[in-house]
Protein backbone atom coordinates (compact mmCIF):
# COMPACT_ATOMS: atom_id res chain seq x y z
CA MET A 1 -94.94 -8.01 14.39
CA PRO A 2 -95.40 -4.50 12.97
CA LYS A 3 -91.94 -3.59 14.28
CA ALA A 4 -90.38 -6.47 12.30
CA CYS A 5 -92.06 -5.20 9.12
CA PHE A 6 -90.77 -1.69 9.85
CA LEU A 7 -87.22 -2.99 10.25
CA LYS A 8 -87.53 -4.98 7.08
CA GLU A 9 -88.65 -1.88 5.15
CA ASP A 10 -85.77 0.14 6.59
CA ALA A 11 -83.29 -2.56 5.59
CA LEU A 12 -84.65 -2.58 2.05
CA GLN A 13 -84.48 1.20 1.79
CA GLU A 14 -80.92 1.20 3.09
CA ARG A 15 -79.88 -1.47 0.60
CA THR A 16 -81.47 0.44 -2.28
CA PHE A 17 -79.68 3.60 -1.22
CA ARG A 18 -76.35 1.81 -1.10
CA LEU A 19 -76.84 0.39 -4.59
CA ASP A 20 -77.82 3.80 -5.94
CA ALA A 21 -74.85 5.42 -4.24
CA THR A 22 -72.49 2.81 -5.69
CA SER A 23 -73.93 3.20 -9.17
CA SER A 24 -73.83 6.97 -9.22
CA ALA A 25 -70.62 7.47 -7.25
CA ASN A 26 -68.42 6.28 -10.09
CA ALA A 27 -69.16 6.06 -13.80
CA SER A 28 -67.41 2.70 -13.95
CA GLY A 29 -69.73 1.14 -11.35
CA GLY A 30 -67.93 1.52 -8.06
CA ASP A 31 -66.47 -1.67 -6.63
CA LYS A 32 -68.99 -4.07 -8.22
CA LEU A 33 -68.25 -3.54 -11.93
CA LYS A 34 -65.41 -1.99 -13.84
CA VAL A 35 -66.00 -1.16 -17.51
CA GLN A 36 -63.13 -0.30 -19.85
CA THR A 37 -63.64 0.44 -23.54
CA ARG A 38 -61.40 0.98 -26.53
CA LYS A 39 -61.91 1.21 -30.25
CA VAL A 40 -59.99 -1.15 -32.52
CA GLY A 41 -60.81 -0.54 -36.16
CA ALA A 42 -64.57 -0.98 -36.56
CA SER A 43 -64.85 -2.79 -33.22
CA LEU A 44 -65.59 -1.63 -29.71
CA VAL A 45 -63.73 -3.76 -27.16
CA VAL A 46 -65.37 -3.74 -23.74
CA ARG A 47 -63.49 -5.24 -20.79
CA LEU A 48 -65.62 -6.02 -17.76
CA SER A 49 -64.45 -6.87 -14.25
CA GLY A 50 -66.74 -7.82 -11.38
CA GLU A 51 -70.46 -8.55 -11.34
CA LEU A 52 -72.86 -7.84 -14.21
CA ASP A 53 -76.20 -7.83 -12.41
CA LEU A 54 -79.23 -5.74 -11.49
CA ALA A 55 -77.08 -3.21 -9.64
CA THR A 56 -74.59 -2.72 -12.48
CA ALA A 57 -76.34 -3.54 -15.77
CA GLU A 58 -77.43 0.07 -16.31
CA ILE A 59 -73.84 1.28 -16.00
CA PHE A 60 -72.80 -1.29 -18.61
CA ARG A 61 -75.65 -0.21 -20.91
CA ARG A 62 -74.94 3.51 -20.63
CA THR A 63 -71.20 3.13 -21.08
CA VAL A 64 -71.41 0.85 -24.11
CA ASP A 65 -74.25 2.79 -25.75
CA ALA A 66 -72.37 6.07 -25.35
CA GLN A 67 -69.22 4.61 -26.91
CA LEU A 68 -71.17 3.02 -29.77
CA ALA A 69 -72.85 6.36 -30.48
CA LYS A 70 -69.56 8.24 -30.30
CA ASP A 71 -67.36 5.83 -32.26
CA GLY A 72 -69.90 4.32 -34.66
CA CYS A 73 -68.44 0.83 -34.26
CA SER A 74 -70.17 -2.04 -36.04
CA ASN A 75 -68.71 -4.89 -33.94
CA LEU A 76 -68.66 -5.48 -30.19
CA ILE A 77 -66.15 -7.64 -28.35
CA LEU A 78 -66.99 -8.39 -24.73
CA VAL A 79 -63.98 -9.46 -22.67
CA LEU A 80 -65.56 -11.31 -19.76
CA LYS A 81 -62.59 -13.13 -18.22
CA ASN A 82 -62.88 -11.07 -15.02
CA VAL A 83 -66.67 -11.27 -14.70
CA THR A 84 -67.42 -13.23 -11.55
CA PHE A 85 -71.23 -13.20 -11.66
CA ILE A 86 -74.02 -12.51 -14.15
CA ASP A 87 -77.78 -12.51 -13.66
CA SER A 88 -80.83 -11.93 -15.87
CA SER A 89 -80.28 -8.15 -15.85
CA GLY A 90 -76.76 -8.67 -17.17
CA ILE A 91 -78.08 -11.07 -19.81
CA GLY A 92 -80.67 -8.49 -20.86
CA ALA A 93 -78.01 -5.81 -21.11
CA ILE A 94 -75.85 -8.02 -23.35
CA LEU A 95 -78.84 -8.91 -25.56
CA GLY A 96 -79.77 -5.24 -25.87
CA ARG A 97 -76.29 -4.40 -27.15
CA TYR A 98 -76.51 -7.42 -29.48
CA ARG A 99 -79.66 -5.90 -31.04
CA LEU A 100 -77.88 -2.57 -31.57
CA ILE A 101 -74.93 -4.27 -33.25
CA ARG A 102 -77.18 -6.45 -35.45
CA GLU A 103 -78.88 -3.27 -36.72
CA ARG A 104 -75.42 -2.21 -37.92
CA GLN A 105 -74.87 -5.62 -39.58
CA GLY A 106 -72.07 -6.28 -37.10
CA ARG A 107 -71.04 -9.13 -34.83
CA VAL A 108 -70.87 -9.58 -31.07
CA ILE A 109 -68.15 -11.84 -29.69
CA ALA A 110 -67.73 -12.79 -26.02
CA THR A 111 -64.25 -13.83 -24.90
CA GLY A 112 -62.62 -15.34 -21.82
CA LEU A 113 -65.75 -16.95 -20.40
CA ARG A 114 -65.35 -18.50 -16.96
CA PRO A 115 -67.19 -21.83 -16.60
CA ALA A 116 -69.96 -20.41 -14.37
CA VAL A 117 -70.54 -17.42 -16.65
CA ARG A 118 -70.47 -19.64 -19.76
CA ARG A 119 -73.06 -21.92 -18.18
CA VAL A 120 -75.43 -19.01 -17.47
CA LEU A 121 -75.00 -17.65 -21.01
CA GLU A 122 -75.59 -21.11 -22.51
CA MET A 123 -78.68 -21.82 -20.40
CA SER A 124 -80.17 -18.41 -21.24
CA GLY A 125 -79.64 -18.89 -24.97
CA VAL A 126 -77.26 -15.94 -25.33
CA LEU A 127 -74.57 -18.13 -26.88
CA ARG A 128 -76.96 -19.06 -29.69
CA VAL A 129 -76.65 -15.51 -31.02
CA VAL A 130 -73.40 -14.22 -29.52
CA GLU A 131 -70.21 -15.78 -30.86
CA THR A 132 -67.36 -16.81 -28.56
CA ALA A 133 -63.59 -16.75 -28.76
CA GLU A 134 -60.96 -17.79 -26.26
CA THR A 135 -59.12 -14.46 -26.29
CA GLU A 136 -59.63 -10.84 -27.29
CA GLN A 137 -56.94 -11.23 -29.94
CA GLN A 138 -58.69 -14.24 -31.50
CA ALA A 139 -61.94 -12.28 -31.59
CA LEU A 140 -60.28 -9.33 -33.34
CA GLU A 141 -58.59 -11.63 -35.85
CA SER A 142 -61.91 -13.30 -36.71
CA LEU A 143 -63.49 -10.02 -37.82
């Protein structure tokens, strides 16, 4: 029995190391999450691809916060059409950016929601405060 616990601890340590290595190996999140940003007028457009979860939420936070600080944008458009998974850490990261944008009297708009991602955002209450649009272009035109 003690040997099984030892193996379990080793497996957990190895998994944690892999996640840390993925997160720090590439500023865009390694293979799990790709974050692309661009400024359009007073809006920061953030395109995400992959999984927005415990392992990648910090990368999303840091990237978006740095761009908001640098560009001073008052609106945030999240292009989520290539997001395949989101968990509570991803939801928290989105809500944190929502608070930053609200302080600037701006708007947050999520676009391209896949059915599974939309369902998670609806069930968590995110879509009560974050607007949605079908496309990035529609979101930009609504501002």
